[in-house]
C-alpha cells in the first residue's frame, strides 16, 4: 500500500479482523485474548533473557545464556505462546 493513507488502511483492516475474530470466539464460547507482541524477537524463549535488538537482516536467533539457536520468527512465535499461556495461568512446558 503506497500513498498517504496506506498504513492507516492496513491498520484499520487488522483492527476490523480482530473485532470479527473476538465476536466469533464469543459466540462459540472460545477464549480470546490479544498478547503483547513487543520485543518478541529480542527475548530468548528458552531462558527468557533479553538478547538485544536484531537487525532485520539477522534471521537466526541465538542465545549464549540458554545455548539456544532457532529461526528468528519461530523463536518470536514461541515467546508469544509463552506469554499467552502465562496470561491464562499456565506455565510453558520445557519443549524448546
C-alpha atoms as a PDB file:
ATOM      1  CA  UNK A   1       0.000   0.000   0.000  1.00  0.00           C
ATOM      2  CA  UNK A   2       1.567   3.211  -1.134  1.00  0.00           C
ATOM      3  CA  UNK A   3       0.451   6.708  -0.503  1.00  0.00           C
ATOM      4  CA  UNK A   4      -0.617   8.831   2.390  1.00  0.00           C
ATOM      5  CA  UNK A   5      -3.410   6.592   3.740  1.00  0.00           C
ATOM      6  CA  UNK A   6      -1.792   3.221   3.006  1.00  0.00           C
ATOM      7  CA  UNK A   7      -0.641   2.440   6.542  1.00  0.00           C
ATOM      8  CA  UNK A   8      -3.915   3.661   8.037  1.00  0.00           C
ATOM      9  CA  UNK A   9      -5.926   1.402   5.724  1.00  0.00           C
ATOM     10  CA  UNK A  10      -3.818  -1.610   6.682  1.00  0.00           C
ATOM     11  CA  UNK A  11      -4.145  -0.799  10.397  1.00  0.00           C
ATOM     12  CA  UNK A  12      -7.926  -0.457  10.053  1.00  0.00           C
ATOM     13  CA  UNK A  13      -8.067  -3.812   8.284  1.00  0.00           C
ATOM     14  CA  UNK A  14      -6.240  -5.562  11.144  1.00  0.00           C
ATOM     15  CA  UNK A  15      -8.420  -3.814  13.715  1.00  0.00           C
ATOM     16  CA  UNK A  16     -11.589  -4.973  12.000  1.00  0.00           C
ATOM     17  CA  UNK A  17     -10.203  -8.506  11.665  1.00  0.00           C
ATOM     18  CA  UNK A  18      -9.588  -8.681  15.428  1.00  0.00           C
ATOM     19  CA  UNK A  19     -13.094  -7.354  16.160  1.00  0.00           C
ATOM     20  CA  UNK A  20     -14.688 -10.046  13.976  1.00  0.00           C
ATOM     21  CA  UNK A  21     -12.431 -12.731  15.455  1.00  0.00           C
ATOM     22  CA  UNK A  22     -13.323 -11.680  19.004  1.00  0.00           C
ATOM     23  CA  UNK A  23     -17.061 -11.750  18.176  1.00  0.00           C
ATOM     24  CA  UNK A  24     -16.806 -15.200  16.589  1.00  0.00           C
ATOM     25  CA  UNK A  25     -14.910 -16.546  19.585  1.00  0.00           C
ATOM     26  CA  UNK A  26     -17.522 -15.062  21.924  1.00  0.00           C
ATOM     27  CA  UNK A  27     -20.400 -16.709  20.033  1.00  0.00           C
ATOM     28  CA  UNK A  28     -18.683 -20.088  20.192  1.00  0.00           C
ATOM     29  CA  UNK A  29     -17.578 -19.805  23.824  1.00  0.00           C
ATOM     30  CA  UNK A  30     -13.886 -19.744  22.909  1.00  0.00           C
ATOM     31  CA  UNK A  31     -11.461 -17.639  24.960  1.00  0.00           C
ATOM     32  CA  UNK A  32      -9.901 -14.744  23.038  1.00  0.00           C
ATOM     33  CA  UNK A  33      -7.019 -12.570  24.195  1.00  0.00           C
ATOM     34  CA  UNK A  34      -4.519 -10.374  22.367  1.00  0.00           C
ATOM     35  CA  UNK A  35      -0.953 -10.963  23.523  1.00  0.00           C
ATOM     36  CA  UNK A  36       1.576  -8.128  23.706  1.00  0.00           C
ATOM     37  CA  UNK A  37       3.900  -8.648  20.752  1.00  0.00           C
ATOM     38  CA  UNK A  38       6.509  -6.069  21.735  1.00  0.00           C
ATOM     39  CA  UNK A  39      10.130  -7.239  21.802  1.00  0.00           C
ATOM     40  CA  UNK A  40       9.262 -10.841  20.979  1.00  0.00           C
ATOM     41  CA  UNK A  41      12.281 -11.148  18.718  1.00  0.00           C
ATOM     42  CA  UNK A  42      14.554  -9.712  21.439  1.00  0.00           C
ATOM     43  CA  UNK A  43      13.813 -12.411  24.047  1.00  0.00           C
ATOM     44  CA  UNK A  44      15.073 -15.992  24.180  1.00  0.00           C
ATOM     45  CA  UNK A  45      12.130 -18.419  24.535  1.00  0.00           C
ATOM     46  CA  UNK A  46      14.255 -20.943  26.422  1.00  0.00           C
ATOM     47  CA  UNK A  47      15.748 -18.808  29.200  1.00  0.00           C
ATOM     48  CA  UNK A  48      13.600 -15.618  28.805  1.00  0.00           C
ATOM     49  CA  UNK A  49      16.696 -13.392  28.758  1.00  0.00           C
ATOM     50  CA  UNK A  50      16.633 -10.326  26.527  1.00  0.00           C
ATOM     51  CA  UNK A  51      19.275 -10.874  23.850  1.00  0.00           C
ATOM     52  CA  UNK A  52      19.082  -7.371  22.409  1.00  0.00           C
ATOM     53  CA  UNK A  53      17.763  -5.762  19.268  1.00  0.00           C
ATOM     54  CA  UNK A  54      18.490  -7.512  15.990  1.00  0.00           C
ATOM     55  CA  UNK A  55      18.788  -6.083  12.507  1.00  0.00           C
ATOM     56  CA  UNK A  56      16.134  -7.212  10.013  1.00  0.00           C
ATOM     57  CA  UNK A  57      18.854  -8.991   8.079  1.00  0.00           C
ATOM     58  CA  UNK A  58      19.571 -11.242  11.094  1.00  0.00           C
ATOM     59  CA  UNK A  59      17.305 -14.247  10.524  1.00  0.00           C
ATOM     60  CA  UNK A  60      18.713 -16.543  13.241  1.00  0.00           C
ATOM     61  CA  UNK A  61      18.082 -16.126  16.969  1.00  0.00           C
ATOM     62  CA  UNK A  62      20.961 -17.333  19.117  1.00  0.00           C
ATOM     63  CA  UNK A  63      21.309 -17.075  22.884  1.00  0.00           C
ATOM     64  CA  UNK A  64      24.535 -17.841  24.716  1.00  0.00           C
ATOM     65  CA  UNK A  65      22.815 -17.984  28.134  1.00  0.00           C
ATOM     66  CA  UNK A  66      20.392 -20.750  27.233  1.00  0.00           C
ATOM     67  CA  UNK A  67      22.524 -22.282  24.462  1.00  0.00           C
ATOM     68  CA  UNK A  68      19.607 -21.960  22.047  1.00  0.00           C
ATOM     69  CA  UNK A  69      19.629 -21.339  18.289  1.00  0.00           C
ATOM     70  CA  UNK A  70      16.477 -21.111  16.186  1.00  0.00           C
ATOM     71  CA  UNK A  71      14.969 -19.228  13.263  1.00  0.00           C
ATOM     72  CA  UNK A  72      14.119 -15.718  14.441  1.00  0.00           C
ATOM     73  CA  UNK A  73      10.419 -15.931  13.526  1.00  0.00           C
ATOM     74  CA  UNK A  74       9.975 -19.318  15.222  1.00  0.00           C
ATOM     75  CA  UNK A  75      11.636 -18.039  18.403  1.00  0.00           C
ATOM     76  CA  UNK A  76       9.371 -14.956  18.411  1.00  0.00           C
ATOM     77  CA  UNK A  77       6.297 -17.179  17.967  1.00  0.00           C
ATOM     78  CA  UNK A  78       7.447 -19.286  20.923  1.00  0.00           C
ATOM     79  CA  UNK A  79       7.703 -16.140  23.067  1.00  0.00           C
ATOM     80  CA  UNK A  80       4.135 -15.194  22.042  1.00  0.00           C
ATOM     81  CA  UNK A  81       2.992 -18.718  23.032  1.00  0.00           C
ATOM     82  CA  UNK A  82       4.684 -18.392  26.439  1.00  0.00           C
ATOM     83  CA  UNK A  83       3.007 -15.015  27.031  1.00  0.00           C
ATOM     84  CA  UNK A  84      -0.374 -16.382  26.000  1.00  0.00           C
ATOM     85  CA  UNK A  85      -0.077 -19.384  28.310  1.00  0.00           C
ATOM     86  CA  UNK A  86       1.049 -17.141  31.174  1.00  0.00           C
ATOM     87  CA  UNK A  87      -1.971 -14.862  30.606  1.00  0.00           C
ATOM     88  CA  UNK A  88      -4.377 -17.736  31.219  1.00  0.00           C
ATOM     89  CA  UNK A  89      -2.464 -19.125  34.194  1.00  0.00           C
ATOM     90  CA  UNK A  90      -0.490 -21.925  32.574  1.00  0.00           C
ATOM     91  CA  UNK A  91       3.243 -22.395  32.566  1.00  0.00           C
ATOM     92  CA  UNK A  92       5.099 -23.123  29.372  1.00  0.00           C
ATOM     93  CA  UNK A  93       6.454 -26.622  29.079  1.00  0.00           C
ATOM     94  CA  UNK A  94      10.185 -27.102  28.565  1.00  0.00           C
ATOM     95  CA  UNK A  95       9.695 -28.181  24.934  1.00  0.00           C
ATOM     96  CA  UNK A  96      12.070 -25.682  23.402  1.00  0.00           C
END
